[in-house]
């Protein structure tokens, strides 16, 4: 392989590697965001249930 071809191949490999890294990072960021949304939803749901239980318990005590 000529020197120019080697440099071109190395450049293509570096570009492909960088693209792969950015795709993996984007997928990881999306998974992290999805997990944060899911946790936020669960927290809101269980907080709502806990408030209902507390309110009902206080009403029974009255």
PDB file of N, CA and C in Angstrom:
ATOM      1  N   UNK A   1       0.849  -1.179   0.000  1.00  0.00           N
ATOM      2  CA  UNK A   1       0.000   0.000   0.000  1.00  0.00           C
ATOM      3  C   UNK A   1       0.893   1.240   0.000  1.00  0.00           C
ATOM      4  N   UNK A   2       0.541   2.189  -0.788  1.00  0.00           N
ATOM      5  CA  UNK A   2       1.300   3.436  -0.838  1.00  0.00           C
ATOM      6  C   UNK A   2       1.032   4.241   0.424  1.00  0.00           C
ATOM      7  N   UNK A   3       1.952   5.150   0.714  1.00  0.00           N
ATOM      8  CA  UNK A   3       1.828   5.944   1.942  1.00  0.00           C
ATOM      9  C   UNK A   3       0.521   6.739   1.981  1.00  0.00           C
ATOM     10  N   UNK A   4       0.119   7.299   0.854  1.00  0.00           N
ATOM     11  CA  UNK A   4      -1.130   8.063   0.793  1.00  0.00           C
ATOM     12  C   UNK A   4      -2.340   7.193   1.079  1.00  0.00           C
ATOM     13  N   UNK A   5      -2.292   5.940   0.583  1.00  0.00           N
ATOM     14  CA  UNK A   5      -3.409   5.015   0.829  1.00  0.00           C
ATOM     15  C   UNK A   5      -3.494   4.638   2.305  1.00  0.00           C
ATOM     16  N   UNK A   6      -2.330   4.467   2.937  1.00  0.00           N
ATOM     17  CA  UNK A   6      -2.294   4.138   4.366  1.00  0.00           C
ATOM     18  C   UNK A   6      -2.898   5.283   5.171  1.00  0.00           C
ATOM     19  N   UNK A   7      -2.502   6.509   4.853  1.00  0.00           N
ATOM     20  CA  UNK A   7      -3.040   7.671   5.571  1.00  0.00           C
ATOM     21  C   UNK A   7      -4.547   7.791   5.362  1.00  0.00           C
ATOM     22  N   UNK A   8      -4.987   7.519   4.123  1.00  0.00           N
ATOM     23  CA  UNK A   8      -6.421   7.587   3.832  1.00  0.00           C
ATOM     24  C   UNK A   8      -7.169   6.519   4.627  1.00  0.00           C
ATOM     25  N   UNK A   9      -6.619   5.294   4.670  1.00  0.00           N
ATOM     26  CA  UNK A   9      -7.251   4.204   5.426  1.00  0.00           C
ATOM     27  C   UNK A   9      -7.300   4.524   6.913  1.00  0.00           C
ATOM     28  N   UNK A  10      -6.204   5.073   7.426  1.00  0.00           N
ATOM     29  CA  UNK A  10      -6.172   5.445   8.844  1.00  0.00           C
ATOM     30  C   UNK A  10      -7.190   6.538   9.137  1.00  0.00           C
ATOM     31  N   UNK A  11      -7.316   7.492   8.220  1.00  0.00           N
ATOM     32  CA  UNK A  11      -8.297   8.565   8.396  1.00  0.00           C
ATOM     33  C   UNK A  11      -9.714   8.029   8.378  1.00  0.00           C
ATOM     34  N   UNK A  12      -9.980   7.091   7.455  1.00  0.00           N
ATOM     35  CA  UNK A  12     -11.318   6.493   7.385  1.00  0.00           C
ATOM     36  C   UNK A  12     -11.617   5.703   8.656  1.00  0.00           C
ATOM     37  N   UNK A  13     -10.612   4.982   9.155  1.00  0.00           N
ATOM     38  CA  UNK A  13     -10.791   4.213  10.387  1.00  0.00           C
ATOM     39  C   UNK A  13     -11.056   5.142  11.567  1.00  0.00           C
ATOM     40  N   UNK A  14     -10.311   6.239  11.641  1.00  0.00           N
ATOM     41  CA  UNK A  14     -10.510   7.204  12.731  1.00  0.00           C
ATOM     42  C   UNK A  14     -11.900   7.819  12.645  1.00  0.00           C
ATOM     43  N   UNK A  15     -12.350   8.140  11.424  1.00  0.00           N
ATOM     44  CA  UNK A  15     -13.685   8.720  11.243  1.00  0.00           C
ATOM     45  C   UNK A  15     -14.762   7.725  11.659  1.00  0.00           C
ATOM     46  N   UNK A  16     -14.610   6.466  11.240  1.00  0.00           N
ATOM     47  CA  UNK A  16     -15.587   5.430  11.598  1.00  0.00           C
ATOM     48  C   UNK A  16     -15.612   5.212  13.105  1.00  0.00           C
ATOM     49  N   UNK A  17     -14.434   5.217  13.718  1.00  0.00           N
ATOM     50  CA  UNK A  17     -14.352   5.033  15.166  1.00  0.00           C
ATOM     51  C   UNK A  17     -15.020   6.183  15.906  1.00  0.00           C
ATOM     52  N   UNK A  18     -14.772   7.407  15.446  1.00  0.00           N
ATOM     53  CA  UNK A  18     -15.381   8.587  16.063  1.00  0.00           C
ATOM     54  C   UNK A  18     -16.897   8.548  15.909  1.00  0.00           C
ATOM     55  N   UNK A  19     -17.368   8.157  14.712  1.00  0.00           N
ATOM     56  CA  UNK A  19     -18.814   8.056  14.472  1.00  0.00           C
ATOM     57  C   UNK A  19     -19.429   7.012  15.401  1.00  0.00           C
ATOM     58  N   UNK A  20     -18.768   5.849  15.511  1.00  0.00           N
ATOM     59  CA  UNK A  20     -19.274   4.788  16.392  1.00  0.00           C
ATOM     60  C   UNK A  20     -19.349   5.288  17.831  1.00  0.00           C
ATOM     61  N   UNK A  21     -18.303   5.979  18.277  1.00  0.00           N
ATOM     62  CA  UNK A  21     -18.276   6.509  19.641  1.00  0.00           C
ATOM     63  C   UNK A  21     -19.420   7.487  19.866  1.00  0.00           C
ATOM     64  N   UNK A  22     -19.676   8.361  18.882  1.00  0.00           N
ATOM     65  CA  UNK A  22     -20.752   9.342  19.059  1.00  0.00           C
ATOM     66  C   UNK A  22     -22.119   8.669  19.048  1.00  0.00           C
ATOM     67  N   UNK A  23     -22.291   7.622  18.229  1.00  0.00           N
ATOM     68  CA  UNK A  23     -23.564   6.887  18.206  1.00  0.00           C
ATOM     69  C   UNK A  23     -23.791   6.192  19.543  1.00  0.00           C
ATOM     70  N   UNK A  24     -22.759   5.539  20.058  1.00  0.00           N
ATOM     71  CA  UNK A  24     -22.876   4.841  21.344  1.00  0.00           C
ATOM     72  C   UNK A  24     -23.177   5.839  22.453  1.00  0.00           C
ATOM     73  N   UNK A  25     -22.504   6.996  22.443  1.00  0.00           N
ATOM     74  CA  UNK A  25     -22.751   8.017  23.469  1.00  0.00           C
ATOM     75  C   UNK A  25     -24.182   8.532  23.373  1.00  0.00           C
ATOM     76  N   UNK A  26     -24.662   8.768  22.152  1.00  0.00           N
ATOM     77  CA  UNK A  26     -26.032   9.252  21.965  1.00  0.00           C
ATOM     78  C   UNK A  26     -27.035   8.216  22.491  1.00  0.00           C
ATOM     79  N   UNK A  27     -26.792   6.935  22.187  1.00  0.00           N
ATOM     80  CA  UNK A  27     -27.681   5.879  22.680  1.00  0.00           C
ATOM     81  C   UNK A  27     -27.639   5.813  24.204  1.00  0.00           C
ATOM     82  N   UNK A  28     -26.448   5.948  24.777  1.00  0.00           N
ATOM     83  CA  UNK A  28     -26.307   5.921  26.232  1.00  0.00           C
ATOM     84  C   UNK A  28     -27.040   7.101  26.861  1.00  0.00           C
ATOM     85  N   UNK A  29     -26.891   8.286  26.256  1.00  0.00           N
ATOM     86  CA  UNK A  29     -27.579   9.476  26.770  1.00  0.00           C
ATOM     87  C   UNK A  29     -29.091   9.301  26.712  1.00  0.00           C
ATOM     88  N   UNK A  30     -29.593   8.676  25.633  1.00  0.00           N
ATOM     89  CA  UNK A  30     -31.031   8.466  25.493  1.00  0.00           C
ATOM     90  C   UNK A  30     -31.529   7.479  26.543  1.00  0.00           C
ATOM     91  N   UNK A  31     -30.768   6.424  26.790  1.00  0.00           N
ATOM     92  CA  UNK A  31     -31.140   5.451  27.823  1.00  0.00           C
ATOM     93  C   UNK A  31     -31.156   6.130  29.187  1.00  0.00           C
ATOM     94  N   UNK A  32     -30.149   6.961  29.459  1.00  0.00           N
ATOM     95  CA  UNK A  32     -30.103   7.677  30.739  1.00  0.00           C
ATOM     96  C   UNK A  32     -31.307   8.596  30.895  1.00  0.00           C
ATOM     97  N   UNK A  33     -31.652   9.304  29.828  1.00  0.00           N
ATOM     98  CA  UNK A  33     -32.809  10.197  29.869  1.00  0.00           C
ATOM     99  C   UNK A  33     -34.092   9.400  30.098  1.00  0.00           C
ATOM    100  N   UNK A  34     -34.240   8.279  29.391  1.00  0.00           N
ATOM    101  CA  UNK A  34     -35.422   7.433  29.572  1.00  0.00           C
ATOM    102  C   UNK A  34     -35.521   6.936  31.013  1.00  0.00           C
ATOM    103  N   UNK A  35     -34.387   6.554  31.596  1.00  0.00           N
ATOM    104  CA  UNK A  35     -34.389   6.083  32.983  1.00  0.00           C
ATOM    105  C   UNK A  35     -34.773   7.203  33.945  1.00  0.00           C
ATOM    106  N   UNK A  36     -34.283   8.419  33.689  1.00  0.00           N
ATOM    107  CA  UNK A  36     -34.635   9.551  34.547  1.00  0.00           C
ATOM    108  C   UNK A  36     -36.124   9.847  34.472  1.00  0.00           C
ATOM    109  N   UNK A  37     -36.682   9.791  33.270  1.00  0.00           N
ATOM    110  CA  UNK A  37     -38.117  10.035  33.100  1.00  0.00           C
ATOM    111  C   UNK A  37     -38.914   8.952  33.814  1.00  0.00           C
ATOM    112  N   UNK A  38     -38.496   7.700  33.655  1.00  0.00           N
ATOM    113  CA  UNK A  38     -39.180   6.581  34.303  1.00  0.00           C
ATOM    114  C   UNK A  38     -39.131   6.727  35.823  1.00  0.00           C
ATOM    115  N   UNK A  39     -37.964   7.057  36.363  1.00  0.00           N
ATOM    116  CA  UNK A  39     -37.841   7.230  37.813  1.00  0.00           C
ATOM    117  C   UNK A  39     -38.695   8.392  38.304  1.00  0.00           C
ATOM    118  N   UNK A  40     -38.729   9.463  37.540  1.00  0.00           N
ATOM    119  CA  UNK A  40     -39.553  10.614  37.904  1.00  0.00           C
ATOM    120  C   UNK A  40     -41.024  10.228  37.928  1.00  0.00           C
ATOM    121  N   UNK A  41     -41.447   9.455  36.942  1.00  0.00           N
ATOM    122  CA  UNK A  41     -42.839   8.995  36.883  1.00  0.00           C
ATOM    123  C   UNK A  41     -43.162   8.128  38.101  1.00  0.00           C
ATOM    124  N   UNK A  42     -42.276   7.156  38.390  1.00  0.00           N
ATOM    125  CA  UNK A  42     -42.517   6.274  39.539  1.00  0.00           C
ATOM    126  C   UNK A  42     -42.571   7.067  40.836  1.00  0.00           C
ATOM    127  N   UNK A  43     -41.648   8.018  40.999  1.00  0.00           N
ATOM    128  CA  UNK A  43     -41.632   8.823  42.212  1.00  0.00           C
ATOM    129  C   UNK A  43     -42.937   9.601  42.353  1.00  0.00           C
ATOM    130  N   UNK A  44     -43.394  10.203  41.262  1.00  0.00           N
ATOM    131  CA  UNK A  44     -44.653  10.964  41.301  1.00  0.00           C
ATOM    132  C   UNK A  44     -45.826  10.060  41.644  1.00  0.00           C
ATOM    133  N   UNK A  45     -45.867   8.893  41.025  1.00  0.00           N
ATOM    134  CA  UNK A  45     -46.964   7.954  41.255  1.00  0.00           C
ATOM    135  C   UNK A  45     -46.997   7.503  42.717  1.00  0.00           C
ATOM    136  N   UNK A  46     -45.848   7.067  43.235  1.00  0.00           N
ATOM    137  CA  UNK A  46     -45.823   6.577  44.614  1.00  0.00           C
ATOM    138  C   UNK A  46     -46.015   7.705  45.622  1.00  0.00           C
ATOM    139  N   UNK A  47     -45.576   8.908  45.295  1.00  0.00           N
ATOM    140  CA  UNK A  47     -45.843  10.054  46.170  1.00  0.00           C
ATOM    141  C   UNK A  47     -47.341  10.325  46.235  1.00  0.00           C
ATOM    142  N   UNK A  48     -48.013  10.222  45.095  1.00  0.00           N
ATOM    143  CA  UNK A  48     -49.463  10.407  45.035  1.00  0.00           C
ATOM    144  C   UNK A  48     -50.166   9.358  45.901  1.00  0.00           C
ATOM    145  N   UNK A  49     -49.766   8.111  45.772  1.00  0.00           N
ATOM    146  CA  UNK A  49     -50.363   7.022  46.563  1.00  0.00           C
ATOM    147  C   UNK A  49     -50.111   7.258  48.052  1.00  0.00           C
ATOM    148  N   UNK A  50     -48.891   7.639  48.408  1.00  0.00           N
ATOM    149  CA  UNK A  50     -48.561   7.878  49.818  1.00  0.00           C
ATOM    150  C   UNK A  50     -49.408   9.010  50.386  1.00  0.00           C
ATOM    151  N   UNK A  51     -49.591  10.084  49.619  1.00  0.00           N
ATOM    152  CA  UNK A  51     -50.438  11.190  50.087  1.00  0.00           C
ATOM    153  C   UNK A  51     -51.867  10.719  50.323  1.00  0.00           C
ATOM    154  N   UNK A  52     -52.389   9.904  49.410  1.00  0.00           N
ATOM    155  CA  UNK A  52     -53.758   9.390  49.565  1.00  0.00           C
ATOM    156  C   UNK A  52     -53.882   8.543  50.829  1.00  0.00           C
ATOM    157  N   UNK A  53     -52.900   7.705  51.076  1.00  0.00           N
ATOM    158  CA  UNK A  53     -52.922   6.849  52.272  1.00  0.00           C
ATOM    159  C   UNK A  53     -52.871   7.702  53.533  1.00  0.00           C
ATOM    160  N   UNK A  54     -51.995   8.694  53.550  1.00  0.00           N
ATOM    161  CA  UNK A  54     -51.869   9.568  54.726  1.00  0.00           C
ATOM    162  C   UNK A  54     -53.157  10.344  54.956  1.00  0.00           C
ATOM    163  N   UNK A  55     -53.719  10.904  53.894  1.00  0.00           N
ATOM    164  CA  UNK A  55     -54.966  11.675  54.031  1.00  0.00           C
ATOM    165  C   UNK A  55     -56.089  10.789  54.547  1.00  0.00           C
ATOM    166  N   UNK A  56     -56.216   9.586  53.987  1.00  0.00           N
ATOM    167  CA  UNK A  56     -57.267   8.667  54.447  1.00  0.00           C
ATOM    168  C   UNK A  56     -57.050   8.248  55.896  1.00  0.00           C
ATOM    169  N   UNK A  57     -55.797   8.037  56.281  1.00  0.00           N
ATOM    170  CA  UNK A  57     -55.503   7.666  57.670  1.00  0.00           C
ATOM    171  C   UNK A  57     -55.863   8.801  58.618  1.00  0.00           C
ATOM    172  N   UNK A  58     -55.547  10.038  58.237  1.00  0.00           N
ATOM    173  CA  UNK A  58     -55.875  11.188  59.083  1.00  0.00           C
ATOM    174  C   UNK A  58     -57.388  11.375  59.196  1.00  0.00           C
ATOM    175  N   UNK A  59     -58.099  11.117  58.122  1.00  0.00           N
ATOM    176  CA  UNK A  59     -59.563  11.228  58.166  1.00  0.00           C
ATOM    177  C   UNK A  59     -60.162  10.193  59.111  1.00  0.00           C
ATOM    178  N   UNK A  60     -59.604   9.004  59.124  1.00  0.00           N
ATOM    179  CA  UNK A  60     -60.114   7.947  60.006  1.00  0.00           C
ATOM    180  C   UNK A  60     -59.856   8.287  61.472  1.00  0.00           C
ATOM    181  N   UNK A  61     -58.756   8.992  61.736  1.00  0.00           N
ATOM    182  CA  UNK A  61     -58.430   9.361  63.112  1.00  0.00           C
ATOM    183  C   UNK A  61     -59.345  10.471  63.634  1.00  0.00           C
ATOM    184  N   UNK A  62     -59.883  11.265  62.733  1.00  0.00           N
ATOM    185  CA  UNK A  62     -60.713  12.412  63.148  1.00  0.00           C
ATOM    186  C   UNK A  62     -62.059  11.977  63.658  1.00  0.00           C
TER     187      UNK A  62
END
